[in-house]
PDB file of N, CA and C in Angstrom:
ATOM      1  N   UNK A   1     239.221  31.968  58.709  1.00  0.00           N
ATOM      2  CA  UNK A   1     238.141  32.122  59.918  1.00  0.00           C
ATOM      3  C   UNK A   1     236.762  31.941  59.272  1.00  0.00           C
ATOM      4  N   UNK A   2     235.887  31.356  59.637  1.00  0.00           N
ATOM      5  CA  UNK A   2     234.420  31.662  59.343  1.00  0.00           C
ATOM      6  C   UNK A   2     234.095  32.492  60.166  1.00  0.00           C
ATOM      7  N   UNK A   3     232.582  33.191  59.313  1.00  0.00           N
ATOM      8  CA  UNK A   3     232.011  34.257  60.260  1.00  0.00           C
ATOM      9  C   UNK A   3     230.402  34.184  60.108  1.00  0.00           C
ATOM     10  N   UNK A   4     229.961  35.134  60.636  1.00  0.00           N
ATOM     11  CA  UNK A   4     228.204  35.234  60.639  1.00  0.00           C
ATOM     12  C   UNK A   4     227.760  36.564  60.150  1.00  0.00           C
ATOM     13  N   UNK A   5     228.837  37.333  59.926  1.00  0.00           N
ATOM     14  CA  UNK A   5     228.856  38.888  59.350  1.00  0.00           C
ATOM     15  C   UNK A   5     227.567  39.121  58.561  1.00  0.00           C
ATOM     16  N   UNK A   6     227.433  38.429  57.268  1.00  0.00           N
ATOM     17  CA  UNK A   6     226.557  38.542  56.260  1.00  0.00           C
ATOM     18  C   UNK A   6     225.179  38.125  57.103  1.00  0.00           C
ATOM     19  N   UNK A   7     225.065  37.179  57.809  1.00  0.00           N
ATOM     20  CA  UNK A   7     223.700  36.915  58.434  1.00  0.00           C
ATOM     21  C   UNK A   7     223.449  38.036  59.220  1.00  0.00           C
ATOM     22  N   UNK A   8     224.169  37.918  60.109  1.00  0.00           N
ATOM     23  CA  UNK A   8     224.199  39.127  61.041  1.00  0.00           C
ATOM     24  C   UNK A   8     223.483  40.491  60.458  1.00  0.00           C
ATOM     25  N   UNK A   9     224.074  40.751  59.405  1.00  0.00           N
ATOM     26  CA  UNK A   9     223.975  41.864  58.779  1.00  0.00           C
ATOM     27  C   UNK A   9     222.691  42.197  57.969  1.00  0.00           C
ATOM     28  N   UNK A  10     222.195  40.852  57.663  1.00  0.00           N
ATOM     29  CA  UNK A  10     221.303  40.817  56.654  1.00  0.00           C
ATOM     30  C   UNK A  10     219.762  40.831  57.729  1.00  0.00           C
ATOM     31  N   UNK A  11     219.993  40.421  59.206  1.00  0.00           N
ATOM     32  CA  UNK A  11     219.084  40.109  60.234  1.00  0.00           C
ATOM     33  C   UNK A  11     218.643  41.840  60.624  1.00  0.00           C
ATOM     34  N   UNK A  12     219.694  42.529  60.418  1.00  0.00           N
ATOM     35  CA  UNK A  12     219.624  43.581  61.067  1.00  0.00           C
ATOM     36  C   UNK A  12     218.637  44.641  59.931  1.00  0.00           C
ATOM     37  N   UNK A  13     218.910  44.336  58.522  1.00  0.00           N
ATOM     38  CA  UNK A  13     218.372  44.840  57.429  1.00  0.00           C
ATOM     39  C   UNK A  13     219.566  46.115  56.906  1.00  0.00           C
ATOM     40  N   UNK A  14     220.723  45.881  57.021  1.00  0.00           N
ATOM     41  CA  UNK A  14     221.813  46.633  56.604  1.00  0.00           C
ATOM     42  C   UNK A  14     222.362  46.194  55.387  1.00  0.00           C
ATOM     43  N   UNK A  15     223.000  47.381  54.021  1.00  0.00           N
ATOM     44  CA  UNK A  15     223.344  46.735  53.117  1.00  0.00           C
ATOM     45  C   UNK A  15     224.938  46.658  53.302  1.00  0.00           C
ATOM     46  N   UNK A  16     225.772  46.245  52.582  1.00  0.00           N
ATOM     47  CA  UNK A  16     227.041  46.332  52.829  1.00  0.00           C
ATOM     48  C   UNK A  16     227.615  47.520  52.567  1.00  0.00           C
ATOM     49  N   UNK A  17     227.290  48.474  51.729  1.00  0.00           N
ATOM     50  CA  UNK A  17     227.313  49.942  51.524  1.00  0.00           C
ATOM     51  C   UNK A  17     227.431  50.716  53.195  1.00  0.00           C
ATOM     52  N   UNK A  18     226.450  50.619  53.595  1.00  0.00           N
ATOM     53  CA  UNK A  18     225.741  51.247  54.927  1.00  0.00           C
ATOM     54  C   UNK A  18     226.792  50.679  55.858  1.00  0.00           C
ATOM     55  N   UNK A  19     227.033  49.308  56.158  1.00  0.00           N
ATOM     56  CA  UNK A  19     228.126  48.931  57.312  1.00  0.00           C
ATOM     57  C   UNK A  19     229.111  49.261  56.795  1.00  0.00           C
ATOM     58  N   UNK A  20     229.810  49.500  55.587  1.00  0.00           N
ATOM     59  CA  UNK A  20     231.362  49.928  55.303  1.00  0.00           C
ATOM     60  C   UNK A  20     231.595  51.414  55.500  1.00  0.00           C
ATOM     61  N   UNK A  21     230.332  52.075  55.350  1.00  0.00           N
ATOM     62  CA  UNK A  21     230.192  53.678  55.499  1.00  0.00           C
ATOM     63  C   UNK A  21     230.483  53.685  57.123  1.00  0.00           C
ATOM     64  N   UNK A  22     229.394  52.947  57.825  1.00  0.00           N
ATOM     65  CA  UNK A  22     229.356  52.881  59.438  1.00  0.00           C
ATOM     66  C   UNK A  22     231.012  52.398  59.910  1.00  0.00           C
ATOM     67  N   UNK A  23     231.794  51.634  59.532  1.00  0.00           N
ATOM     68  CA  UNK A  23     232.748  51.126  59.835  1.00  0.00           C
ATOM     69  C   UNK A  23     234.009  51.984  59.301  1.00  0.00           C
ATOM     70  N   UNK A  24     233.949  52.605  58.301  1.00  0.00           N
ATOM     71  CA  UNK A  24     234.845  53.387  57.750  1.00  0.00           C
ATOM     72  C   UNK A  24     236.114  52.672  56.672  1.00  0.00           C
ATOM     73  N   UNK A  25     235.166  51.887  55.896  1.00  0.00           N
ATOM     74  CA  UNK A  25     236.032  50.640  55.151  1.00  0.00           C
ATOM     75  C   UNK A  25     235.578  50.485  53.855  1.00  0.00           C
ATOM     76  N   UNK A  26     235.510  50.098  52.884  1.00  0.00           N
ATOM     77  CA  UNK A  26     235.440  50.098  51.521  1.00  0.00           C
ATOM     78  C   UNK A  26     234.124  49.052  51.373  1.00  0.00           C
ATOM     79  N   UNK A  27     233.077  49.081  50.545  1.00  0.00           N
ATOM     80  CA  UNK A  27     232.126  47.790  50.524  1.00  0.00           C
ATOM     81  C   UNK A  27     232.941  47.052  50.445  1.00  0.00           C
ATOM     82  N   UNK A  28     234.128  46.582  49.427  1.00  0.00           N
ATOM     83  CA  UNK A  28     234.852  45.403  49.072  1.00  0.00           C
ATOM     84  C   UNK A  28     235.426  44.920  50.067  1.00  0.00           C
ATOM     85  N   UNK A  29     235.523  45.522  51.202  1.00  0.00           N
ATOM     86  CA  UNK A  29     236.419  45.204  52.530  1.00  0.00           C
ATOM     87  C   UNK A  29     235.001  44.055  53.169  1.00  0.00           C
ATOM     88  N   UNK A  30     233.944  44.348  53.168  1.00  0.00           N
ATOM     89  CA  UNK A  30     233.023  43.851  53.834  1.00  0.00           C
ATOM     90  C   UNK A  30     232.559  42.499  52.994  1.00  0.00           C
ATOM     91  N   UNK A  31     232.586  42.639  51.832  1.00  0.00           N
ATOM     92  CA  UNK A  31     232.288  41.361  50.684  1.00  0.00           C
ATOM     93  C   UNK A  31     233.342  40.428  51.315  1.00  0.00           C
ATOM     94  N   UNK A  32     234.474  41.088  51.369  1.00  0.00           N
ATOM     95  CA  UNK A  32     235.819  40.193  51.399  1.00  0.00           C
ATOM     96  C   UNK A  32     235.737  39.169  52.607  1.00  0.00           C
ATOM     97  N   UNK A  33     235.096  40.298  53.817  1.00  0.00           N
ATOM     98  CA  UNK A  33     235.021  39.625  55.331  1.00  0.00           C
ATOM     99  C   UNK A  33     234.184  38.239  55.024  1.00  0.00           C
ATOM    100  N   UNK A  34     233.048  38.815  54.584  1.00  0.00           N
ATOM    101  CA  UNK A  34     231.228  37.890  53.914  1.00  0.00           C
ATOM    102  C   UNK A  34     231.950  36.638  53.638  1.00  0.00           C
ATOM    103  N   UNK A  35     233.030  36.574  52.528  1.00  0.00           N
ATOM    104  CA  UNK A  35     233.271  35.523  52.023  1.00  0.00           C
ATOM    105  C   UNK A  35     234.382  34.525  52.499  1.00  0.00           C
ATOM    106  N   UNK A  36     235.148  35.449  53.328  1.00  0.00           N
ATOM    107  CA  UNK A  36     236.143  34.263  54.207  1.00  0.00           C
ATOM    108  C   UNK A  36     237.342  34.565  53.570  1.00  0.00           C
ATOM    109  N   UNK A  37     237.181  35.957  52.358  1.00  0.00           N
ATOM    110  CA  UNK A  37     238.769  35.938  51.646  1.00  0.00           C
ATOM    111  C   UNK A  37     239.602  36.897  52.594  1.00  0.00           C
ATOM    112  N   UNK A  38     239.192  37.312  53.592  1.00  0.00           N
ATOM    113  CA  UNK A  38     239.841  38.549  54.379  1.00  0.00           C
ATOM    114  C   UNK A  38     239.777  38.025  55.997  1.00  0.00           C
ATOM    115  N   UNK A  39     240.570  38.682  56.776  1.00  0.00           N
ATOM    116  CA  UNK A  39     240.424  38.042  58.257  1.00  0.00           C
ATOM    117  C   UNK A  39     240.766  39.791  58.615  1.00  0.00           C
ATOM    118  N   UNK A  40     239.620  39.981  59.284  1.00  0.00           N
ATOM    119  CA  UNK A  40     239.808  41.309  59.996  1.00  0.00           C
ATOM    120  C   UNK A  40     241.178  41.503  60.971  1.00  0.00           C
ATOM    121  N   UNK A  41     241.332  42.966  61.102  1.00  0.00           N
ATOM    122  CA  UNK A  41     242.417  43.390  62.015  1.00  0.00           C
ATOM    123  C   UNK A  41     241.541  43.290  63.420  1.00  0.00           C
ATOM    124  N   UNK A  42     242.337  42.920  64.541  1.00  0.00           N
ATOM    125  CA  UNK A  42     241.569  42.875  65.941  1.00  0.00           C
ATOM    126  C   UNK A  42     240.946  44.027  66.233  1.00  0.00           C
ATOM    127  N   UNK A  43     241.427  45.312  65.553  1.00  0.00           N
ATOM    128  CA  UNK A  43     240.789  46.899  65.688  1.00  0.00           C
ATOM    129  C   UNK A  43     238.986  46.689  64.845  1.00  0.00           C
ATOM    130  N   UNK A  44     239.209  46.267  63.695  1.00  0.00           N
ATOM    131  CA  UNK A  44     238.244  45.895  63.121  1.00  0.00           C
ATOM    132  C   UNK A  44     237.138  45.044  63.592  1.00  0.00           C
ATOM    133  N   UNK A  45     237.484  44.112  64.137  1.00  0.00           N
ATOM    134  CA  UNK A  45     236.590  43.032  64.556  1.00  0.00           C
ATOM    135  C   UNK A  45     235.978  43.333  65.620  1.00  0.00           C
ATOM    136  N   UNK A  46     236.395  44.771  66.473  1.00  0.00           N
ATOM    137  CA  UNK A  46     236.327  45.177  67.873  1.00  0.00           C
ATOM    138  C   UNK A  46     234.853  46.160  67.273  1.00  0.00           C
ATOM    139  N   UNK A  47     235.484  46.587  66.095  1.00  0.00           N
ATOM    140  CA  UNK A  47     234.448  47.707  65.526  1.00  0.00           C
ATOM    141  C   UNK A  47     233.064  47.210  65.317  1.00  0.00           C
ATOM    142  N   UNK A  48     233.170  46.339  64.521  1.00  0.00           N
ATOM    143  CA  UNK A  48     232.356  45.377  63.744  1.00  0.00           C
ATOM    144  C   UNK A  48     231.191  44.894  64.972  1.00  0.00           C
ATOM    145  N   UNK A  49     231.861  44.247  66.156  1.00  0.00           N
ATOM    146  CA  UNK A  49     231.219  43.658  67.464  1.00  0.00           C
ATOM    147  C   UNK A  49     230.355  44.743  67.922  1.00  0.00           C
ATOM    148  N   UNK A  50     231.031  45.820  67.944  1.00  0.00           N
ATOM    149  CA  UNK A  50     230.626  46.964  68.713  1.00  0.00           C
ATOM    150  C   UNK A  50     229.222  47.618  67.979  1.00  0.00           C
ATOM    151  N   UNK A  51     229.396  47.601  66.647  1.00  0.00           N
ATOM    152  CA  UNK A  51     228.387  48.033  65.774  1.00  0.00           C
ATOM    153  C   UNK A  51     227.185  47.521  66.137  1.00  0.00           C
ATOM    154  N   UNK A  52     227.061  45.930  66.104  1.00  0.00           N
ATOM    155  CA  UNK A  52     226.204  45.329  66.212  1.00  0.00           C
ATOM    156  C   UNK A  52     225.593  44.775  67.760  1.00  0.00           C
ATOM    157  N   UNK A  53     226.594  45.559  68.418  1.00  0.00           N
ATOM    158  CA  UNK A  53     226.302  45.431  69.937  1.00  0.00           C
ATOM    159  C   UNK A  53     226.457  44.039  70.364  1.00  0.00           C
ATOM    160  N   UNK A  54     227.613  43.127  69.887  1.00  0.00           N
ATOM    161  CA  UNK A  54     227.635  41.823  70.526  1.00  0.00           C
ATOM    162  C   UNK A  54     228.917  41.512  70.586  1.00  0.00           C
ATOM    163  N   UNK A  55     229.444  40.397  70.976  1.00  0.00           N
ATOM    164  CA  UNK A  55     230.843  40.045  71.088  1.00  0.00           C
ATOM    165  C   UNK A  55     231.600  39.423  69.638  1.00  0.00           C
ATOM    166  N   UNK A  56     232.846  39.998  69.856  1.00  0.00           N
ATOM    167  CA  UNK A  56     233.722  39.367  68.879  1.00  0.00           C
ATOM    168  C   UNK A  56     233.210  37.449  68.370  1.00  0.00           C
ATOM    169  N   UNK A  57     233.072  37.073  69.452  1.00  0.00           N
ATOM    170  CA  UNK A  57     233.029  35.464  69.307  1.00  0.00           C
ATOM    171  C   UNK A  57     231.668  34.978  68.642  1.00  0.00           C
ATOM    172  N   UNK A  58     230.424  35.898  68.678  1.00  0.00           N
ATOM    173  CA  UNK A  58     229.312  35.784  68.251  1.00  0.00           C
ATOM    174  C   UNK A  58     229.177  35.999  66.838  1.00  0.00           C
ATOM    175  N   UNK A  59     230.244  36.795  66.143  1.00  0.00           N
ATOM    176  CA  UNK A  59     230.608  37.132  64.765  1.00  0.00           C
ATOM    177  C   UNK A  59     231.322  36.108  64.138  1.00  0.00           C
ATOM    178  N   UNK A  60     232.837  36.306  64.535  1.00  0.00           N
ATOM    179  CA  UNK A  60     233.910  35.497  63.913  1.00  0.00           C
ATOM    180  C   UNK A  60     234.015  34.005  64.610  1.00  0.00           C
ATOM    181  N   UNK A  61     233.922  33.046  63.960  1.00  0.00           N
ATOM    182  CA  UNK A  61     234.253  31.495  64.767  1.00  0.00           C
ATOM    183  C   UNK A  61     235.684  30.727  64.194  1.00  0.00           C
ATOM    184  N   UNK A  62     236.523  31.231  65.180  1.00  0.00           N
ATOM    185  CA  UNK A  62     237.722  30.624  65.255  1.00  0.00           C
ATOM    186  C   UNK A  62     237.967  28.978  65.445  1.00  0.00           C
ATOM    187  N   UNK A  63     238.451  28.291  64.588  1.00  0.00           N
ATOM    188  CA  UNK A  63     238.552  26.852  64.640  1.00  0.00           C
ATOM    189  C   UNK A  63     240.326  26.596  64.569  1.00  0.00           C
ATOM    190  N   UNK A  64     240.522  25.798  65.180  1.00  0.00           N
ATOM    191  CA  UNK A  64     242.011  25.149  65.568  1.00  0.00           C
ATOM    192  C   UNK A  64     241.975  24.538  64.358  1.00  0.00           C
ATOM    193  N   UNK A  65     243.319  24.324  63.950  1.00  0.00           N
ATOM    194  CA  UNK A  65     243.713  23.645  62.747  1.00  0.00           C
ATOM    195  C   UNK A  65     244.418  22.483  63.480  1.00  0.00           C
ATOM    196  N   UNK A  66     243.579  21.103  63.045  1.00  0.00           N
ATOM    197  CA  UNK A  66     244.330  20.021  63.586  1.00  0.00           C
ATOM    198  C   UNK A  66     245.404  19.518  62.661  1.00  0.00           C
ATOM    199  N   UNK A  67     246.528  18.955  63.314  1.00  0.00           N
ATOM    200  CA  UNK A  67     247.758  18.658  62.831  1.00  0.00           C
ATOM    201  C   UNK A  67     247.857  16.883  62.515  1.00  0.00           C
TER     202      UNK A  67
END
């Protein structure tokens, strides 16, 4: 799943450690999310969206796999 987390975080002038502290996760979790190595739980996705005052869909981009 692609996401705009790094872009949105930088626009707001927040570093990874600040975001991690606000969401009660590790900085490594934020880095993994931004690099697409980790997809968030639905609870974490809601926390991120709420933190930025936006919707999950504006941060995380789900693309159907074509078969």
